[in-house]
Amino acid sequence: MTTKKELRKIMKQKLGALPKNQFIIEGAAAARRLAETSLWKRYDCVLIYLSMPDELDTSTLLDIAFNENKKVYSPKVESETSMQFFRVSNDSSSWVRGPFDIREPAGREADLFKSEDGDALVISPGLAFDRQGNRIGRGKGYYDRFYEKLFKENPGSAICALCMTCAIIDEVPVETFDHKLNALCTQDEFIEINY
């Protein structure tokens, strides 16, 4: 089996070779597909990643969430090991440029996602996914550490990967600390995972 390090390299090359507008086109289609599912409709609180250039674009999903008056939170990297989610709006004053040159929430303490905000649907990024609910990220562990805390405090939460069709592979290598997804959504299909 391919190691995580090898798979990251392969996927970065594969995704890096795609035309930039494909991330936007597939992102818009996947967002519309996800918004029609019972999983999306079940949650008033959604935690949505802000896409990097080689990730499925989430701007359409953010617009849908704002239009549906959902409580929307986005991630902010706090340190080499920590990431937190903060409430955002479609007002530009709630955004800043982060260390990876992507939009981040301004990070006001009053906007921090807390367990009392309730169960949430987390829209997860990643480089590769499989149909068994496994994902591989960029190797920093931000999301796995966040999931550990989230599911202790809000066990009714769920994780859905919004991803490029080509990012779904046969098998992703996993370790004990990796959290499984509840669903995958691409422009072509929505896959609920039962385990």
C-alpha atoms as a PDB file:
ATOM      1  CA  MET A   1       0.000   0.000   0.000  1.00  0.00           C
ATOM      2  CA  THR A   2       1.113   3.565  -0.725  1.00  0.00           C
ATOM      3  CA  THR A   3       2.257   5.496   2.356  1.00  0.00           C
ATOM      4  CA  LYS A   4       0.574   8.731   3.401  1.00  0.00           C
ATOM      5  CA  LYS A   5       3.654  10.717   2.374  1.00  0.00           C
ATOM      6  CA  GLU A   6       3.718   9.113  -1.098  1.00  0.00           C
ATOM      7  CA  LEU A   7      -0.036   9.557  -1.534  1.00  0.00           C
ATOM      8  CA  ARG A   8       0.166  13.248  -0.609  1.00  0.00           C
ATOM      9  CA  LYS A   9       2.839  13.770  -3.260  1.00  0.00           C
ATOM     10  CA  ILE A  10       0.829  11.896  -5.909  1.00  0.00           C
ATOM     11  CA  MET A  11      -2.384  13.785  -5.131  1.00  0.00           C
ATOM     12  CA  LYS A  12      -0.715  17.202  -5.036  1.00  0.00           C
ATOM     13  CA  GLN A  13       0.704  16.531  -8.522  1.00  0.00           C
ATOM     14  CA  LYS A  14      -2.631  15.192  -9.796  1.00  0.00           C
ATOM     15  CA  LEU A  15      -4.657  18.120  -8.438  1.00  0.00           C
ATOM     16  CA  GLY A  16      -1.976  20.648  -9.411  1.00  0.00           C
ATOM     17  CA  ALA A  17      -2.257  19.574 -13.059  1.00  0.00           C
ATOM     18  CA  LEU A  18      -5.978  20.413 -13.254  1.00  0.00           C
ATOM     19  CA  PRO A  19      -7.220  23.701 -14.734  1.00  0.00           C
ATOM     20  CA  LYS A  20      -8.031  26.225 -11.987  1.00  0.00           C
ATOM     21  CA  ASN A  21     -11.601  26.768 -13.158  1.00  0.00           C
ATOM     22  CA  GLN A  22     -12.344  23.047 -12.674  1.00  0.00           C
ATOM     23  CA  PHE A  23     -12.131  23.541  -8.887  1.00  0.00           C
ATOM     24  CA  ILE A  24     -14.754  26.302  -9.155  1.00  0.00           C
ATOM     25  CA  ILE A  25     -17.073  24.398 -11.526  1.00  0.00           C
ATOM     26  CA  GLU A  26     -16.973  21.154  -9.534  1.00  0.00           C
ATOM     27  CA  GLY A  27     -17.257  23.088  -6.265  1.00  0.00           C
ATOM     28  CA  ALA A  28     -20.450  24.837  -7.339  1.00  0.00           C
ATOM     29  CA  ALA A  29     -22.025  21.576  -8.549  1.00  0.00           C
ATOM     30  CA  ALA A  30     -21.009  19.655  -5.407  1.00  0.00           C
ATOM     31  CA  ALA A  31     -22.377  22.441  -3.178  1.00  0.00           C
ATOM     32  CA  ARG A  32     -25.767  22.362  -4.912  1.00  0.00           C
ATOM     33  CA  ARG A  33     -25.852  18.554  -4.613  1.00  0.00           C
ATOM     34  CA  LEU A  34     -24.976  18.642  -0.897  1.00  0.00           C
ATOM     35  CA  ALA A  35     -27.578  21.346  -0.184  1.00  0.00           C
ATOM     36  CA  GLU A  36     -30.316  18.958  -1.372  1.00  0.00           C
ATOM     37  CA  THR A  37     -29.393  16.190   1.084  1.00  0.00           C
ATOM     38  CA  SER A  38     -31.015  15.404   4.414  1.00  0.00           C
ATOM     39  CA  LEU A  39     -27.544  15.567   6.008  1.00  0.00           C
ATOM     40  CA  TRP A  40     -27.182  19.242   5.089  1.00  0.00           C
ATOM     41  CA  LYS A  41     -30.771  20.040   6.075  1.00  0.00           C
ATOM     42  CA  ARG A  42     -30.341  18.367   9.491  1.00  0.00           C
ATOM     43  CA  TYR A  43     -27.822  20.955  10.759  1.00  0.00           C
ATOM     44  CA  ASP A  44     -28.323  24.653  11.500  1.00  0.00           C
ATOM     45  CA  CYS A  45     -24.638  24.984  12.340  1.00  0.00           C
ATOM     46  CA  VAL A  46     -22.064  24.325   9.593  1.00  0.00           C
ATOM     47  CA  LEU A  47     -18.273  24.503   9.749  1.00  0.00           C
ATOM     48  CA  ILE A  48     -16.942  25.144   6.250  1.00  0.00           C
ATOM     49  CA  TYR A  49     -13.303  25.191   5.176  1.00  0.00           C
ATOM     50  CA  LEU A  50     -12.037  28.004   2.975  1.00  0.00           C
ATOM     51  CA  SER A  51     -10.486  26.520  -0.125  1.00  0.00           C
ATOM     52  CA  MET A  52      -6.843  26.654  -1.100  1.00  0.00           C
ATOM     53  CA  PRO A  53      -6.036  26.751  -4.854  1.00  0.00           C
ATOM     54  CA  ASP A  54      -5.841  22.942  -5.163  1.00  0.00           C
ATOM     55  CA  GLU A  55      -9.045  22.264  -3.179  1.00  0.00           C
ATOM     56  CA  LEU A  56     -12.644  22.140  -4.294  1.00  0.00           C
ATOM     57  CA  ASP A  57     -13.947  25.707  -4.150  1.00  0.00           C
ATOM     58  CA  THR A  58     -16.370  26.255  -1.242  1.00  0.00           C
ATOM     59  CA  SER A  59     -17.607  29.752  -2.123  1.00  0.00           C
ATOM     60  CA  THR A  60     -20.940  28.471  -3.519  1.00  0.00           C
ATOM     61  CA  LEU A  61     -21.546  26.385  -0.386  1.00  0.00           C
ATOM     62  CA  LEU A  62     -20.791  29.413   1.807  1.00  0.00           C
ATOM     63  CA  ASP A  63     -23.318  31.460  -0.194  1.00  0.00           C
ATOM     64  CA  ILE A  64     -25.945  28.724   0.173  1.00  0.00           C
ATOM     65  CA  ALA A  65     -25.350  28.525   3.929  1.00  0.00           C
ATOM     66  CA  PHE A  66     -25.612  32.304   4.347  1.00  0.00           C
ATOM     67  CA  ASN A  67     -28.781  32.414   2.208  1.00  0.00           C
ATOM     68  CA  GLU A  68     -30.334  29.669   4.351  1.00  0.00           C
ATOM     69  CA  ASN A  69     -29.442  31.613   7.531  1.00  0.00           C
ATOM     70  CA  LYS A  70     -27.294  28.809   8.903  1.00  0.00           C
ATOM     71  CA  LYS A  71     -24.728  29.598  11.575  1.00  0.00           C
ATOM     72  CA  VAL A  72     -21.516  29.473   9.542  1.00  0.00           C
ATOM     73  CA  TYR A  73     -18.060  28.968  11.057  1.00  0.00           C
ATOM     74  CA  SER A  74     -14.708  28.825   9.273  1.00  0.00           C
ATOM     75  CA  PRO A  75     -11.263  27.706  10.465  1.00  0.00           C
ATOM     76  CA  LYS A  76      -8.401  29.843  11.655  1.00  0.00           C
ATOM     77  CA  VAL A  77      -4.949  28.391  12.275  1.00  0.00           C
ATOM     78  CA  GLU A  78      -3.877  29.493  15.748  1.00  0.00           C
ATOM     79  CA  SER A  79      -0.484  27.776  15.996  1.00  0.00           C
ATOM     80  CA  GLU A  80       1.539  24.886  14.528  1.00  0.00           C
ATOM     81  CA  THR A  81      -0.824  22.456  16.260  1.00  0.00           C
ATOM     82  CA  SER A  82      -4.079  24.330  16.785  1.00  0.00           C
ATOM     83  CA  MET A  83      -7.001  25.419  14.639  1.00  0.00           C
ATOM     84  CA  GLN A  84     -10.306  26.869  15.822  1.00  0.00           C
ATOM     85  CA  PHE A  85     -13.536  27.793  14.058  1.00  0.00           C
ATOM     86  CA  PHE A  86     -15.079  31.264  14.234  1.00  0.00           C
ATOM     87  CA  ARG A  87     -18.515  32.503  13.199  1.00  0.00           C
ATOM     88  CA  VAL A  88     -18.457  34.395   9.905  1.00  0.00           C
ATOM     89  CA  SER A  89     -20.901  36.331   7.779  1.00  0.00           C
ATOM     90  CA  ASN A  90     -20.838  37.372   4.158  1.00  0.00           C
ATOM     91  CA  ASP A  91     -19.693  40.813   5.333  1.00  0.00           C
ATOM     92  CA  SER A  92     -16.051  41.324   4.304  1.00  0.00           C
ATOM     93  CA  SER A  93     -15.161  42.773   7.725  1.00  0.00           C
ATOM     94  CA  SER A  94     -15.253  39.290   9.262  1.00  0.00           C
ATOM     95  CA  TRP A  95     -12.350  38.067   7.058  1.00  0.00           C
ATOM     96  CA  VAL A  96      -8.554  38.457   6.997  1.00  0.00           C
ATOM     97  CA  ARG A  97      -5.712  36.809   5.010  1.00  0.00           C
ATOM     98  CA  GLY A  98      -4.233  33.808   6.815  1.00  0.00           C
ATOM     99  CA  PRO A  99      -0.746  32.247   6.801  1.00  0.00           C
ATOM    100  CA  PHE A 100      -1.539  30.030   3.792  1.00  0.00           C
ATOM    101  CA  ASP A 101      -2.753  33.140   1.904  1.00  0.00           C
ATOM    102  CA  ILE A 102      -6.372  32.014   2.110  1.00  0.00           C
ATOM    103  CA  ARG A 103      -9.238  33.836   3.725  1.00  0.00           C
ATOM    104  CA  GLU A 104      -9.631  33.284   7.440  1.00  0.00           C
ATOM    105  CA  PRO A 105     -12.143  34.586   9.916  1.00  0.00           C
ATOM    106  CA  ALA A 106     -10.962  37.658  11.823  1.00  0.00           C
ATOM    107  CA  GLY A 107     -10.976  35.473  14.938  1.00  0.00           C
ATOM    108  CA  ARG A 108     -12.868  37.584  17.453  1.00  0.00           C
ATOM    109  CA  GLU A 109     -13.219  35.711  20.762  1.00  0.00           C
ATOM    110  CA  ALA A 110     -16.992  36.325  20.819  1.00  0.00           C
ATOM    111  CA  ASP A 111     -17.309  34.460  17.497  1.00  0.00           C
ATOM    112  CA  LEU A 112     -15.467  31.290  18.604  1.00  0.00           C
ATOM    113  CA  PHE A 113     -17.302  27.985  18.038  1.00  0.00           C
ATOM    114  CA  LYS A 114     -18.069  26.435  21.429  1.00  0.00           C
ATOM    115  CA  SER A 115     -19.692  23.147  22.417  1.00  0.00           C
ATOM    116  CA  GLU A 116     -22.834  25.000  23.524  1.00  0.00           C
ATOM    117  CA  ASP A 117     -23.322  26.110  19.912  1.00  0.00           C
ATOM    118  CA  GLY A 118     -24.582  22.548  19.369  1.00  0.00           C
ATOM    119  CA  ASP A 119     -23.963  19.714  16.963  1.00  0.00           C
ATOM    120  CA  ALA A 120     -22.431  20.771  13.676  1.00  0.00           C
ATOM    121  CA  LEU A 121     -21.863  19.521  10.163  1.00  0.00           C
ATOM    122  CA  VAL A 122     -18.171  19.904   9.341  1.00  0.00           C
ATOM    123  CA  ILE A 123     -17.253  20.269   5.671  1.00  0.00           C
ATOM    124  CA  SER A 124     -13.835  18.685   5.500  1.00  0.00           C
ATOM    125  CA  PRO A 125     -11.012  19.366   3.069  1.00  0.00           C
ATOM    126  CA  GLY A 126      -8.436  16.780   2.111  1.00  0.00           C
ATOM    127  CA  LEU A 127      -6.200  15.519  -0.674  1.00  0.00           C
ATOM    128  CA  ALA A 128      -7.713  12.037  -1.088  1.00  0.00           C
ATOM    129  CA  PHE A 129     -10.720  10.092   0.135  1.00  0.00           C
ATOM    130  CA  ASP A 130     -12.108   6.578  -0.126  1.00  0.00           C
ATOM    131  CA  ARG A 131     -15.645   5.193  -0.042  1.00  0.00           C
ATOM    132  CA  GLN A 132     -15.034   3.662   3.387  1.00  0.00           C
ATOM    133  CA  GLY A 133     -14.952   7.162   4.940  1.00  0.00           C
ATOM    134  CA  ASN A 134     -11.200   7.671   5.167  1.00  0.00           C
ATOM    135  CA  ARG A 135      -9.413  10.880   4.228  1.00  0.00           C
ATOM    136  CA  ILE A 136      -5.877  12.124   4.002  1.00  0.00           C
ATOM    137  CA  GLY A 137      -5.135  15.760   4.662  1.00  0.00           C
ATOM    138  CA  ARG A 138      -1.958  17.769   4.325  1.00  0.00           C
ATOM    139  CA  GLY A 139      -0.260  16.115   7.290  1.00  0.00           C
ATOM    140  CA  LYS A 140      -0.511  18.827   9.942  1.00  0.00           C
ATOM    141  CA  GLY A 141      -3.291  17.061  11.900  1.00  0.00           C
ATOM    142  CA  TYR A 142      -5.382  20.203  12.443  1.00  0.00           C
ATOM    143  CA  TYR A 143      -8.686  18.557  11.550  1.00  0.00           C
ATOM    144  CA  ASP A 144      -8.093  15.274  13.402  1.00  0.00           C
ATOM    145  CA  ARG A 145      -7.261  17.173  16.610  1.00  0.00           C
ATOM    146  CA  PHE A 146     -10.352  19.341  16.140  1.00  0.00           C
ATOM    147  CA  TYR A 147     -12.571  16.280  15.512  1.00  0.00           C
ATOM    148  CA  GLU A 148     -11.309  14.631  18.697  1.00  0.00           C
ATOM    149  CA  LYS A 149     -12.594  17.547  20.771  1.00  0.00           C
ATOM    150  CA  LEU A 150     -15.761  18.117  18.724  1.00  0.00           C
ATOM    151  CA  PHE A 151     -17.083  14.564  19.005  1.00  0.00           C
ATOM    152  CA  LYS A 152     -16.381  14.394  22.741  1.00  0.00           C
ATOM    153  CA  GLU A 153     -18.463  17.515  23.313  1.00  0.00           C
ATOM    154  CA  ASN A 154     -20.966  17.298  20.429  1.00  0.00           C
ATOM    155  CA  PRO A 155     -21.388  13.597  19.548  1.00  0.00           C
ATOM    156  CA  GLY A 156     -24.283  14.288  17.182  1.00  0.00           C
ATOM    157  CA  SER A 157     -21.991  16.180  14.804  1.00  0.00           C
ATOM    158  CA  ALA A 158     -21.038  14.827  11.368  1.00  0.00           C
ATOM    159  CA  ILE A 159     -18.226  15.188   8.831  1.00  0.00           C
ATOM    160  CA  CYS A 160     -18.777  15.473   5.087  1.00  0.00           C
ATOM    161  CA  ALA A 161     -15.948  15.845   2.591  1.00  0.00           C
ATOM    162  CA  LEU A 162     -16.712  18.135  -0.314  1.00  0.00           C
ATOM    163  CA  CYS A 163     -14.240  16.927  -2.912  1.00  0.00           C
ATOM    164  CA  MET A 164     -13.122  16.661  -6.494  1.00  0.00           C
ATOM    165  CA  THR A 165     -14.296  13.507  -8.271  1.00  0.00           C
ATOM    166  CA  CYS A 166     -10.679  12.562  -9.007  1.00  0.00           C
ATOM    167  CA  ALA A 167      -9.793  12.775  -5.280  1.00  0.00           C
ATOM    168  CA  ILE A 168     -11.790   9.616  -4.507  1.00  0.00           C
ATOM    169  CA  ILE A 169      -9.423   6.647  -4.665  1.00  0.00           C
ATOM    170  CA  ASP A 170      -9.700   2.936  -3.838  1.00  0.00           C
ATOM    171  CA  GLU A 171      -7.995   3.036  -0.449  1.00  0.00           C
ATOM    172  CA  VAL A 172      -6.551   5.684   1.840  1.00  0.00           C
ATOM    173  CA  PRO A 173      -3.958   4.572   4.433  1.00  0.00           C
ATOM    174  CA  VAL A 174      -5.231   5.197   7.964  1.00  0.00           C
ATOM    175  CA  GLU A 175      -3.888   5.434  11.487  1.00  0.00           C
ATOM    176  CA  THR A 176      -5.665   5.067  14.821  1.00  0.00           C
ATOM    177  CA  PHE A 177      -6.081   8.831  15.326  1.00  0.00           C
ATOM    178  CA  ASP A 178      -7.737   9.399  11.907  1.00  0.00           C
ATOM    179  CA  HIS A 179     -11.446  10.231  12.063  1.00  0.00           C
ATOM    180  CA  LYS A 180     -13.851   8.673   9.593  1.00  0.00           C
ATOM    181  CA  LEU A 181     -16.191  10.725   7.448  1.00  0.00           C
ATOM    182  CA  ASN A 182     -19.969  10.380   7.524  1.00  0.00           C
ATOM    183  CA  ALA A 183     -20.329  11.324   3.856  1.00  0.00           C
ATOM    184  CA  LEU A 184     -18.574  12.371   0.657  1.00  0.00           C
ATOM    185  CA  CYS A 185     -19.997  14.765  -1.904  1.00  0.00           C
ATOM    186  CA  THR A 186     -18.694  15.459  -5.410  1.00  0.00           C
ATOM    187  CA  GLN A 187     -20.277  17.107  -8.417  1.00  0.00           C
ATOM    188  CA  ASP A 188     -21.472  13.633  -9.494  1.00  0.00           C
ATOM    189  CA  GLU A 189     -22.592  11.881  -6.329  1.00  0.00           C
ATOM    190  CA  PHE A 190     -23.400  12.016  -2.639  1.00  0.00           C
ATOM    191  CA  ILE A 191     -22.116   9.011  -0.686  1.00  0.00           C
ATOM    192  CA  GLU A 192     -23.346   8.342   2.845  1.00  0.00           C
ATOM    193  CA  ILE A 193     -21.012   6.097   4.801  1.00  0.00           C
ATOM    194  CA  ASN A 194     -22.324   3.598   7.339  1.00  0.00           C
ATOM    195  CA  TYR A 195     -19.897   2.116   9.836  1.00  0.00           C
END
